Amino acid sequence: MSAVAVAMVPGSAQAVDWDHGPLYDRGKHAAAYIEERGDYLRVCDIKSDGKKAWVNVFDYYSGDLVYSLTDTKNDGKCSYRDASDGGKYNLAENQKFDVIVSHEPSDNSGSYHFQFLNDH
């Protein structure tokens, strides 16, 4: 039996049932969660080391950076974005994305790469 991560998204009355996550960087400094329906992305700094956690979202086919999201403190408050934020946060449907979960330093040596198809 597996556990399902459900979280209330700030400013929202709905719970999010994450499709993907937690996705950790190699040192478990950062955790990311993705819910395709509504294009929710959450990143959490999960280690009290003074280094920020971040997620970069790339268009899988072009390699272009779509957006970055950071969380700077291991304080239990994660950073969120979703389609309701509009623009670049409203990810294209039936498009594949490459997500990189990482933390400082920015050399990406401890990064985790994950691809997903935003199909709902």
C-alpha atoms as a PDB file:
ATOM      1  CA  MET A   1       0.000   0.000   0.000  1.00  0.00           C
ATOM      2  CA  SER A   2       1.389   3.398  -0.900  1.00  0.00           C
ATOM      3  CA  ALA A   3       0.774   6.727   0.726  1.00  0.00           C
ATOM      4  CA  VAL A   4      -0.812   9.539  -1.224  1.00  0.00           C
ATOM      5  CA  ALA A   5       0.295  13.104  -0.567  1.00  0.00           C
ATOM      6  CA  VAL A   6      -2.663  15.436  -0.252  1.00  0.00           C
ATOM      7  CA  ALA A   7      -2.153  19.096   0.530  1.00  0.00           C
ATOM      8  CA  MET A   8      -4.226  22.214   0.709  1.00  0.00           C
ATOM      9  CA  VAL A   9      -2.917  24.801  -1.687  1.00  0.00           C
ATOM     10  CA  PRO A  10      -2.723  28.307  -0.187  1.00  0.00           C
ATOM     11  CA  GLY A  11      -5.517  30.556  -1.384  1.00  0.00           C
ATOM     12  CA  SER A  12      -7.542  27.572  -2.502  1.00  0.00           C
ATOM     13  CA  ALA A  13     -10.363  25.602  -0.934  1.00  0.00           C
ATOM     14  CA  GLN A  14      -9.413  22.419  -2.745  1.00  0.00           C
ATOM     15  CA  ALA A  15      -7.053  19.617  -1.844  1.00  0.00           C
ATOM     16  CA  VAL A  16      -4.407  18.575  -4.339  1.00  0.00           C
ATOM     17  CA  ASP A  17      -3.771  14.875  -4.939  1.00  0.00           C
ATOM     18  CA  TRP A  18      -0.255  14.977  -6.422  1.00  0.00           C
ATOM     19  CA  ASP A  19       0.327  12.881  -9.587  1.00  0.00           C
ATOM     20  CA  HIS A  20       4.108  12.944  -9.181  1.00  0.00           C
ATOM     21  CA  GLY A  21       6.123  13.278  -6.016  1.00  0.00           C
ATOM     22  CA  PRO A  22       7.822  13.665  -3.856  1.00  0.00           C
ATOM     23  CA  LEU A  23      10.677  14.051  -6.335  1.00  0.00           C
ATOM     24  CA  TYR A  24      13.924  14.628  -4.434  1.00  0.00           C
ATOM     25  CA  ASP A  25      17.292  15.978  -5.479  1.00  0.00           C
ATOM     26  CA  ARG A  26      20.132  13.550  -4.730  1.00  0.00           C
ATOM     27  CA  GLY A  27      20.945  14.963  -1.303  1.00  0.00           C
ATOM     28  CA  LYS A  28      17.289  15.241  -0.242  1.00  0.00           C
ATOM     29  CA  HIS A  29      17.623  19.003   0.201  1.00  0.00           C
ATOM     30  CA  ALA A  30      14.634  19.684  -2.078  1.00  0.00           C
ATOM     31  CA  ALA A  31      11.309  17.989  -2.770  1.00  0.00           C
ATOM     32  CA  ALA A  32       8.952  18.728  -5.649  1.00  0.00           C
ATOM     33  CA  TYR A  33       5.386  17.674  -6.364  1.00  0.00           C
ATOM     34  CA  ILE A  34       3.402  17.896  -9.612  1.00  0.00           C
ATOM     35  CA  GLU A  35      -0.339  17.644 -10.217  1.00  0.00           C
ATOM     36  CA  GLU A  36      -1.162  17.738 -13.923  1.00  0.00           C
ATOM     37  CA  ARG A  37      -4.819  18.730 -13.540  1.00  0.00           C
ATOM     38  CA  GLY A  38      -4.506  22.451 -12.807  1.00  0.00           C
ATOM     39  CA  ASP A  39      -0.735  22.463 -13.470  1.00  0.00           C
ATOM     40  CA  TYR A  40       0.149  22.575  -9.777  1.00  0.00           C
ATOM     41  CA  LEU A  41       3.833  22.611  -8.875  1.00  0.00           C
ATOM     42  CA  ARG A  42       5.168  22.703  -5.332  1.00  0.00           C
ATOM     43  CA  VAL A  43       8.806  22.889  -4.218  1.00  0.00           C
ATOM     44  CA  CYS A  44       9.931  22.527  -0.623  1.00  0.00           C
ATOM     45  CA  ASP A  45      13.265  23.193   1.045  1.00  0.00           C
ATOM     46  CA  ILE A  46      13.488  20.166   3.346  1.00  0.00           C
ATOM     47  CA  LYS A  47      16.937  20.584   4.862  1.00  0.00           C
ATOM     48  CA  SER A  48      17.940  23.328   7.315  1.00  0.00           C
ATOM     49  CA  ASP A  49      21.269  24.150   5.713  1.00  0.00           C
ATOM     50  CA  GLY A  50      20.739  27.744   4.565  1.00  0.00           C
ATOM     51  CA  LYS A  51      20.606  26.698   0.890  1.00  0.00           C
ATOM     52  CA  LYS A  52      17.518  27.272  -1.221  1.00  0.00           C
ATOM     53  CA  ALA A  53      15.676  24.538  -3.090  1.00  0.00           C
ATOM     54  CA  TRP A  54      14.358  25.034  -6.596  1.00  0.00           C
ATOM     55  CA  VAL A  55      12.631  23.444  -9.547  1.00  0.00           C
ATOM     56  CA  ASN A  56      13.186  24.378 -13.180  1.00  0.00           C
ATOM     57  CA  VAL A  57      10.495  23.444 -15.712  1.00  0.00           C
ATOM     58  CA  PHE A  58      11.639  23.074 -19.325  1.00  0.00           C
ATOM     59  CA  ASP A  59       9.795  22.416 -22.562  1.00  0.00           C
ATOM     60  CA  TYR A  60      11.011  18.869 -23.248  1.00  0.00           C
ATOM     61  CA  TYR A  61      11.214  19.282 -27.034  1.00  0.00           C
ATOM     62  CA  SER A  62      12.736  22.767 -27.381  1.00  0.00           C
ATOM     63  CA  GLY A  63      14.773  22.734 -24.161  1.00  0.00           C
ATOM     64  CA  ASP A  64      13.499  26.246 -23.365  1.00  0.00           C
ATOM     65  CA  LEU A  65      13.079  27.191 -19.715  1.00  0.00           C
ATOM     66  CA  VAL A  66       9.372  27.672 -18.987  1.00  0.00           C
ATOM     67  CA  TYR A  67       9.802  28.859 -15.380  1.00  0.00           C
ATOM     68  CA  SER A  68      11.673  28.384 -12.112  1.00  0.00           C
ATOM     69  CA  LEU A  69      10.283  28.104  -8.617  1.00  0.00           C
ATOM     70  CA  THR A  70      12.330  28.405  -5.410  1.00  0.00           C
ATOM     71  CA  ASP A  71      11.817  27.828  -1.702  1.00  0.00           C
ATOM     72  CA  THR A  72      14.383  29.451   0.564  1.00  0.00           C
ATOM     73  CA  LYS A  73      13.694  28.111   4.063  1.00  0.00           C
ATOM     74  CA  ASN A  74      12.965  24.768   5.656  1.00  0.00           C
ATOM     75  CA  ASP A  75      10.034  26.294   7.529  1.00  0.00           C
ATOM     76  CA  GLY A  76       7.208  23.976   6.487  1.00  0.00           C
ATOM     77  CA  LYS A  77       5.946  26.544   3.987  1.00  0.00           C
ATOM     78  CA  CYS A  78       6.568  25.450   0.421  1.00  0.00           C
ATOM     79  CA  SER A  79       6.368  27.536  -2.760  1.00  0.00           C
ATOM     80  CA  TYR A  80       3.487  26.927  -5.188  1.00  0.00           C
ATOM     81  CA  ARG A  81       2.393  27.806  -8.708  1.00  0.00           C
ATOM     82  CA  ASP A  82      -0.536  26.614 -10.784  1.00  0.00           C
ATOM     83  CA  ALA A  83      -2.497  27.330 -13.970  1.00  0.00           C
ATOM     84  CA  SER A  84      -4.648  29.952 -12.232  1.00  0.00           C
ATOM     85  CA  ASP A  85      -1.511  32.133 -11.995  1.00  0.00           C
ATOM     86  CA  GLY A  86      -1.815  32.422 -15.791  1.00  0.00           C
ATOM     87  CA  GLY A  87       0.813  32.918 -18.479  1.00  0.00           C
ATOM     88  CA  LYS A  88       3.785  30.587 -18.270  1.00  0.00           C
ATOM     89  CA  TYR A  89       2.296  28.765 -15.257  1.00  0.00           C
ATOM     90  CA  ASN A  90      -0.609  27.489 -17.377  1.00  0.00           C
ATOM     91  CA  LEU A  91       1.287  24.611 -18.999  1.00  0.00           C
ATOM     92  CA  ALA A  92       0.282  23.452 -22.475  1.00  0.00           C
ATOM     93  CA  GLU A  93      -1.862  20.325 -22.614  1.00  0.00           C
ATOM     94  CA  ASN A  94      -0.486  17.180 -24.278  1.00  0.00           C
ATOM     95  CA  GLN A  95       3.003  18.640 -23.988  1.00  0.00           C
ATOM     96  CA  LYS A  96       5.998  16.904 -22.422  1.00  0.00           C
ATOM     97  CA  PHE A  97       8.013  18.765 -19.781  1.00  0.00           C
ATOM     98  CA  ASP A  98      11.405  18.166 -18.180  1.00  0.00           C
ATOM     99  CA  VAL A  99      11.572  19.044 -14.492  1.00  0.00           C
ATOM    100  CA  ILE A 100      14.861  19.501 -12.635  1.00  0.00           C
ATOM    101  CA  VAL A 101      14.780  19.405  -8.832  1.00  0.00           C
ATOM    102  CA  SER A 102      17.889  20.912  -7.242  1.00  0.00           C
ATOM    103  CA  HIS A 103      19.403  23.057  -4.495  1.00  0.00           C
ATOM    104  CA  GLU A 104      22.334  25.438  -4.091  1.00  0.00           C
ATOM    105  CA  PRO A 105      25.020  25.451  -5.373  1.00  0.00           C
ATOM    106  CA  SER A 106      23.642  25.803  -8.860  1.00  0.00           C
ATOM    107  CA  ASP A 107      26.084  23.457 -10.583  1.00  0.00           C
ATOM    108  CA  ASN A 108      23.258  20.866 -10.791  1.00  0.00           C
ATOM    109  CA  SER A 109      25.579  18.077  -9.625  1.00  0.00           C
ATOM    110  CA  GLY A 110      22.912  16.809  -7.232  1.00  0.00           C
ATOM    111  CA  SER A 111      19.916  17.460  -9.463  1.00  0.00           C
ATOM    112  CA  TYR A 112      17.129  15.031 -10.230  1.00  0.00           C
ATOM    113  CA  HIS A 113      15.568  15.040 -13.713  1.00  0.00           C
ATOM    114  CA  PHE A 114      11.980  13.971 -14.298  1.00  0.00           C
ATOM    115  CA  GLN A 115       9.843  14.080 -17.448  1.00  0.00           C
ATOM    116  CA  PHE A 116       6.070  14.080 -17.593  1.00  0.00           C
ATOM    117  CA  LEU A 117       3.372  14.437 -20.215  1.00  0.00           C
ATOM    118  CA  ASN A 118       0.834  17.078 -19.185  1.00  0.00           C
ATOM    119  CA  ASP A 119      -2.144  15.148 -20.505  1.00  0.00           C
ATOM    120  CA  HIS A 120      -4.921  16.324 -18.173  1.00  0.00           C
END
